Amino acid sequence: MRARRQANAGLPFLFDQMADCVMEQISSSGLPDSNLASLEVRVVGRVQGVGFRYFVFETARRLGLSGYVMNLRDGGVRAYAEGSRSSLEQFLRALQQGPSGARVRDVRAVWGTDTGGYSIFSIQPTL
């Protein structure tokens, strides 16, 4: 192998860099996934006291997302999720509807990159 590296001067270094890039994009399923993203959502309306956080938790769990949901002191709900872009799009559509007892008035979403900082989805205390 050493002789091959010497014969191909800069090639192994370039290959190592490419391999590192691919490894950074490996998803929890073990397959390359350049489609990972994050989504931060703020929901306003009648969204507290109606099971909204539990609805968000179950939706995220079903879609295989990680992150959290919490009530806000101003009466809104904040959710942060990471996962595949298609799952996050389904998640956002579900939050726009909410559970049957909720009245969603406004949803604000901010897309970002997946940080890999969450391994589960949880319900957090009120902020």
Protein backbone atom coordinates (compact mmCIF):
# COMPACT_ATOMS: atom_id res chain seq x y z
CA MET A 1 0.00 0.00 0.00
CA ARG A 2 2.88 2.34 0.79
CA ALA A 3 4.30 1.99 -2.72
CA ARG A 4 0.91 2.77 -4.20
CA ARG A 5 0.61 5.95 -2.14
CA GLN A 6 4.01 7.14 -3.31
CA ALA A 7 3.15 6.43 -6.93
CA ASN A 8 -0.08 8.42 -6.78
CA ALA A 9 1.38 11.47 -5.00
CA GLY A 10 -1.61 13.68 -3.99
CA LEU A 11 -4.37 11.15 -4.66
CA PRO A 12 -4.64 9.47 -1.23
CA PHE A 13 -4.95 12.82 0.53
CA LEU A 14 -7.77 13.87 -1.79
CA PHE A 15 -9.48 10.50 -1.32
CA ASP A 16 -9.18 10.82 2.48
CA GLN A 17 -10.83 14.26 2.34
CA MET A 18 -13.68 12.91 0.19
CA ALA A 19 -14.15 9.97 2.56
CA ASP A 20 -14.32 12.36 5.53
CA CYS A 21 -17.06 14.39 3.78
CA VAL A 22 -19.10 11.27 3.10
CA MET A 23 -18.69 10.08 6.69
CA GLU A 24 -20.07 13.38 7.99
CA GLN A 25 -23.26 12.75 6.03
CA ILE A 26 -23.93 9.26 7.41
CA SER A 27 -27.34 9.15 9.03
CA SER A 28 -28.36 7.03 12.01
CA SER A 29 -29.55 4.35 9.57
CA GLY A 30 -25.96 3.94 8.39
CA LEU A 31 -26.72 5.21 4.88
CA PRO A 32 -25.43 8.47 3.40
CA ASP A 33 -28.05 11.18 3.82
CA SER A 34 -27.31 14.66 2.53
CA ASN A 35 -30.99 15.45 3.02
CA LEU A 36 -30.79 16.00 6.79
CA ALA A 37 -32.05 19.30 8.16
CA SER A 38 -33.41 21.01 11.25
CA LEU A 39 -36.65 22.86 11.73
CA GLU A 40 -37.55 25.33 14.47
CA VAL A 41 -41.27 26.04 14.73
CA ARG A 42 -43.28 28.50 16.81
CA VAL A 43 -47.01 27.89 16.95
CA VAL A 44 -49.50 30.54 18.13
CA GLY A 45 -53.19 30.14 18.93
CA ARG A 46 -55.09 27.95 21.37
CA VAL A 47 -52.22 25.48 21.68
CA GLN A 48 -51.79 25.05 25.43
CA GLY A 49 -54.02 22.86 27.57
CA VAL A 50 -55.27 20.94 24.51
CA GLY A 51 -52.64 18.18 24.26
CA PHE A 52 -50.59 20.01 21.65
CA ARG A 53 -47.17 19.04 23.08
CA TYR A 54 -48.16 15.39 23.29
CA PHE A 55 -49.46 15.58 19.70
CA VAL A 56 -46.12 17.06 18.57
CA PHE A 57 -44.19 14.42 20.53
CA GLU A 58 -46.14 11.54 18.99
CA THR A 59 -45.88 13.02 15.49
CA ALA A 60 -42.10 13.44 15.82
CA ARG A 61 -41.72 9.92 17.21
CA ARG A 62 -43.75 8.44 14.35
CA LEU A 63 -41.61 10.32 11.79
CA GLY A 64 -38.30 9.33 13.42
CA LEU A 65 -37.31 12.88 14.35
CA SER A 66 -35.19 14.04 17.27
CA GLY A 67 -35.46 17.33 19.19
CA TYR A 68 -37.96 18.77 21.64
CA VAL A 69 -41.24 20.61 22.17
CA MET A 70 -42.12 23.06 24.96
CA ASN A 71 -44.79 25.52 26.03
CA LEU A 72 -43.81 29.19 26.06
CA ARG A 73 -44.89 31.64 28.75
CA ASP A 74 -46.66 33.78 26.15
CA GLY A 75 -49.10 30.94 25.37
CA GLY A 76 -47.34 29.61 22.27
CA VAL A 77 -45.51 26.36 21.64
CA ARG A 78 -41.96 25.97 20.38
CA ALA A 79 -40.68 22.83 18.67
CA TYR A 80 -37.24 22.01 17.35
CA ALA A 81 -36.69 18.89 15.27
CA GLU A 82 -33.93 17.28 13.24
CA GLY A 83 -34.20 14.56 10.63
CA SER A 84 -34.81 14.03 6.95
CA ARG A 85 -36.21 16.98 5.03
CA SER A 86 -39.25 14.97 3.89
CA SER A 87 -40.08 13.93 7.48
CA LEU A 88 -39.67 17.52 8.66
CA GLU A 89 -42.05 18.70 5.92
CA GLN A 90 -44.66 16.19 7.15
CA PHE A 91 -43.99 17.33 10.72
CA LEU A 92 -44.58 20.98 9.76
CA ARG A 93 -47.86 20.14 8.01
CA ALA A 94 -49.05 18.27 11.11
CA LEU A 95 -48.20 21.23 13.38
CA GLN A 96 -50.11 23.58 11.09
CA GLN A 97 -53.22 21.44 11.73
CA GLY A 98 -52.64 20.47 15.36
CA PRO A 99 -54.81 18.10 17.41
CA SER A 100 -58.59 18.36 17.31
CA GLY A 101 -58.89 20.65 20.38
CA ALA A 102 -56.32 23.17 19.17
CA ARG A 103 -56.87 26.32 17.15
CA VAL A 104 -53.66 27.09 15.28
CA ARG A 105 -53.60 30.76 14.34
CA ASP A 106 -50.01 31.17 13.11
CA VAL A 107 -46.99 28.97 12.46
CA ARG A 108 -43.51 30.34 11.91
CA ALA A 109 -40.81 27.97 10.73
CA VAL A 110 -37.08 28.40 10.31
CA TRP A 111 -35.10 25.77 8.40
CA GLY A 112 -31.49 24.99 9.27
CA THR A 113 -28.82 22.34 9.13
CA ASP A 114 -28.91 19.17 11.18
CA THR A 115 -26.58 19.44 14.19
CA GLY A 116 -26.81 15.83 15.34
CA GLY A 117 -27.18 17.18 18.86
CA TYR A 118 -30.33 15.23 19.71
CA SER A 119 -30.84 11.49 19.84
CA ILE A 120 -34.48 11.45 20.98
CA PHE A 121 -37.53 13.71 20.87
CA SER A 122 -38.67 15.00 24.25
CA ILE A 123 -41.21 17.24 25.95
CA GLN A 124 -39.37 20.01 27.80
CA PRO A 125 -40.58 22.22 30.67
CA THR A 126 -42.13 25.62 29.93
CA LEU A 127 -39.60 28.27 28.97
